[in-house]
Amino acid sequence: MKKNGFTLIELIIVIVILGILATVAAPRFIDLSSDARKSMLVGVEGNFEAGLRIVRLKQQFIDNRLPAHDSRQYWIDMNNNGVVDGDSSSNQSSFEGRDGVDILAFTNGEIDNYQLHKLVDDTSGVVMHIPTIQTVDIGFDFNEDGIVGDDDCYIKFHQVTGFTRHFDGC
């Protein structure tokens, strides 16, 4: 007699094997999105650090310093044209209007936190938030409240201590 198809025992064995494979493999695939977010933030951190190195190098040359309205600040001539290519807004409480080529810095050598986004070409996918005068949080805003620190998937830039990672919520 010719056999067409599988027996019930064979089907059950295949289903059990697939179940075991799914149980072992699923957690690894679920964690991929978290790993991707962490990797993206590490890349963003590297881009910002490279940008900061370039800005700090340019600050060393007196010809790159252009006067600002405030005696505690000066512009760093990022495009080397000898003219202040400043921002279209003097608003000190948002990133809006921070579209000029040159970067505003303080006489203590630190750049204005609202100028930080100018260090990299692309910050799409991440949100920047300034919780204090000396810090900037760069990361994911899962609850879309404009604050990334409460979502705990971000990097913090502090003007004195540099970058720290907060990845518990990724």
Protein backbone atom coordinates (compact mmCIF):
# COMPACT_ATOMS: atom_id res chain seq x y z
CA MET A 1 0.00 0.00 0.00
CA LYS A 2 1.32 3.48 -0.97
CA LYS A 3 1.58 6.10 1.79
CA ASN A 4 0.37 9.70 0.97
CA GLY A 5 1.35 12.38 3.50
CA PHE A 6 2.66 12.38 7.05
CA THR A 7 1.54 10.52 10.09
CA LEU A 8 0.23 12.31 13.14
CA ILE A 9 3.38 11.37 15.09
CA GLU A 10 5.63 12.89 12.40
CA LEU A 11 3.63 16.13 12.43
CA ILE A 12 3.77 16.36 16.21
CA ILE A 13 7.54 15.81 16.20
CA VAL A 14 8.02 18.59 13.59
CA ILE A 15 5.79 20.98 15.57
CA VAL A 16 7.73 20.25 18.79
CA ILE A 17 11.06 20.87 17.04
CA LEU A 18 9.77 24.14 15.55
CA GLY A 19 8.49 25.18 18.97
CA ILE A 20 11.90 24.54 20.56
CA LEU A 21 13.65 26.50 17.80
CA ALA A 22 11.22 29.41 18.17
CA THR A 23 11.71 29.46 21.93
CA VAL A 24 15.49 29.59 21.57
CA ALA A 25 15.66 32.01 18.59
CA ALA A 26 12.82 34.46 19.32
CA PRO A 27 14.48 36.29 22.24
CA ARG A 28 17.56 36.91 20.12
CA PHE A 29 15.50 38.43 17.29
CA ILE A 30 13.40 40.49 19.69
CA ASP A 31 16.57 42.02 21.14
CA LEU A 32 17.79 43.14 17.70
CA SER A 33 15.86 46.43 17.77
CA SER A 34 17.37 47.28 21.14
CA ASP A 35 20.85 46.45 19.86
CA ALA A 36 20.24 48.58 16.76
CA ARG A 37 19.21 51.60 18.87
CA LYS A 38 22.27 51.21 21.08
CA SER A 39 24.55 50.90 18.05
CA MET A 40 23.01 53.98 16.47
CA LEU A 41 23.61 56.02 19.63
CA VAL A 42 27.22 54.81 19.84
CA GLY A 43 27.68 55.97 16.23
CA VAL A 44 26.06 59.31 16.99
CA GLU A 45 28.36 59.70 20.00
CA GLY A 46 31.39 59.03 17.80
CA ASN A 47 30.22 61.60 15.25
CA PHE A 48 29.75 64.24 17.94
CA GLU A 49 33.16 63.50 19.47
CA ALA A 50 34.81 63.88 16.05
CA GLY A 51 32.96 67.17 15.51
CA LEU A 52 34.05 68.44 18.93
CA ARG A 53 37.68 67.61 18.13
CA ILE A 54 37.49 69.65 14.92
CA VAL A 55 35.88 72.61 16.71
CA ARG A 56 38.42 72.52 19.55
CA LEU A 57 41.26 72.38 17.03
CA LYS A 58 39.86 75.40 15.17
CA GLN A 59 39.56 77.26 18.49
CA GLN A 60 43.32 77.01 18.97
CA PHE A 61 43.97 79.36 16.06
CA ILE A 62 43.24 82.98 16.89
CA ASP A 63 42.33 83.71 13.24
CA ASN A 64 39.30 81.41 13.58
CA ARG A 65 37.80 83.44 16.43
CA LEU A 66 35.33 86.09 15.38
CA PRO A 67 33.75 88.56 17.83
CA ALA A 68 30.25 88.08 19.20
CA HIS A 69 27.87 90.61 20.75
CA ASP A 70 28.74 89.31 24.22
CA SER A 71 32.26 89.66 25.61
CA ARG A 72 31.95 86.14 27.12
CA GLN A 73 31.42 84.57 23.70
CA TYR A 74 32.95 84.43 20.25
CA TRP A 75 32.15 82.71 16.95
CA ILE A 76 34.34 79.98 15.53
CA ASP A 77 34.80 80.55 11.80
CA MET A 78 33.99 77.03 10.59
CA ASN A 79 34.06 77.84 6.86
CA ASN A 80 37.15 80.09 7.08
CA ASN A 81 35.56 83.04 5.28
CA GLY A 82 36.44 85.59 7.98
CA VAL A 83 32.79 86.62 8.44
CA VAL A 84 30.34 85.61 11.15
CA ASP A 85 27.84 83.27 9.52
CA GLY A 86 25.66 83.26 12.61
CA ASP A 87 22.21 81.95 13.36
CA SER A 88 18.95 83.42 12.15
CA SER A 89 17.58 83.44 15.70
CA SER A 90 18.94 84.68 19.01
CA ASN A 91 16.43 82.55 20.93
CA GLN A 92 18.38 80.94 23.77
CA SER A 93 15.82 78.30 24.66
CA SER A 94 15.51 76.08 21.56
CA PHE A 95 17.40 74.60 18.64
CA GLU A 96 15.19 76.49 16.17
CA GLY A 97 16.99 79.08 14.11
CA ARG A 98 20.41 77.57 14.81
CA ASP A 99 21.14 77.36 11.12
CA GLY A 100 24.34 79.38 10.70
CA VAL A 101 27.59 77.77 9.59
CA ASP A 102 29.75 79.19 12.37
CA ILE A 103 29.60 77.95 15.97
CA LEU A 104 29.15 80.13 19.04
CA ALA A 105 31.62 79.37 21.83
CA PHE A 106 32.34 80.72 25.30
CA THR A 107 35.65 82.21 26.35
CA ASN A 108 36.18 79.18 28.63
CA GLY A 109 36.49 77.09 25.45
CA GLU A 110 33.13 75.31 25.55
CA ILE A 111 30.60 75.65 22.76
CA ASP A 112 27.05 76.79 23.38
CA ASN A 113 24.90 73.65 23.84
CA TYR A 114 22.38 74.95 21.32
CA GLN A 115 25.18 74.83 18.74
CA LEU A 116 25.91 71.15 19.37
CA HIS A 117 23.73 69.85 16.53
CA LYS A 118 25.99 71.67 14.06
CA LEU A 119 28.79 69.22 14.78
CA VAL A 120 27.21 66.45 12.71
CA ASP A 121 25.45 66.46 9.35
CA ASP A 122 22.57 64.16 10.23
CA THR A 123 20.78 63.67 13.53
CA SER A 124 17.63 62.15 12.07
CA GLY A 125 16.08 59.46 14.21
CA VAL A 126 17.24 60.97 17.48
CA VAL A 127 15.98 63.83 19.61
CA MET A 128 18.16 66.42 21.32
CA HIS A 129 17.03 67.96 24.60
CA ILE A 130 18.82 70.39 26.91
CA PRO A 131 17.83 69.63 30.53
CA THR A 132 20.47 71.94 32.09
CA ILE A 133 22.80 74.69 30.93
CA GLN A 134 25.78 72.33 30.74
CA THR A 135 24.16 69.16 29.38
CA VAL A 136 22.49 67.86 26.23
CA ASP A 137 20.60 64.58 26.03
CA ILE A 138 20.66 62.89 22.61
CA GLY A 139 18.52 59.82 22.11
CA PHE A 140 15.11 58.30 21.54
CA ASP A 141 11.88 59.91 22.74
CA PHE A 142 9.56 56.90 22.92
CA ASN A 143 6.73 58.73 24.70
CA GLU A 144 7.11 61.80 22.41
CA ASP A 145 7.20 64.39 25.19
CA GLY A 146 10.34 66.11 23.87
CA ILE A 147 12.43 64.77 26.76
CA VAL A 148 14.73 61.81 26.09
CA GLY A 149 16.05 61.39 29.63
CA ASP A 150 12.81 59.84 30.88
CA ASP A 151 12.96 57.14 28.18
CA ASP A 152 16.45 55.99 29.28
CA CYS A 153 17.79 55.28 25.79
CA TYR A 154 20.16 58.20 25.23
CA ILE A 155 23.65 59.60 25.54
CA LYS A 156 24.28 62.61 27.74
CA PHE A 157 26.83 65.23 26.76
CA HIS A 158 28.16 67.28 29.66
CA GLN A 159 30.48 70.16 28.83
CA VAL A 160 32.98 69.14 31.52
CA THR A 161 32.77 65.35 31.73
CA GLY A 162 31.93 64.52 28.10
CA PHE A 163 29.61 61.70 27.04
CA THR A 164 27.89 59.10 29.21
CA ARG A 165 25.60 56.34 27.98
CA HIS A 166 22.16 55.53 29.38
CA PHE A 167 20.92 52.39 27.60
CA ASP A 168 18.67 50.69 30.18
CA GLY A 169 15.48 51.61 28.30
CA CYS A 170 16.63 50.72 24.77
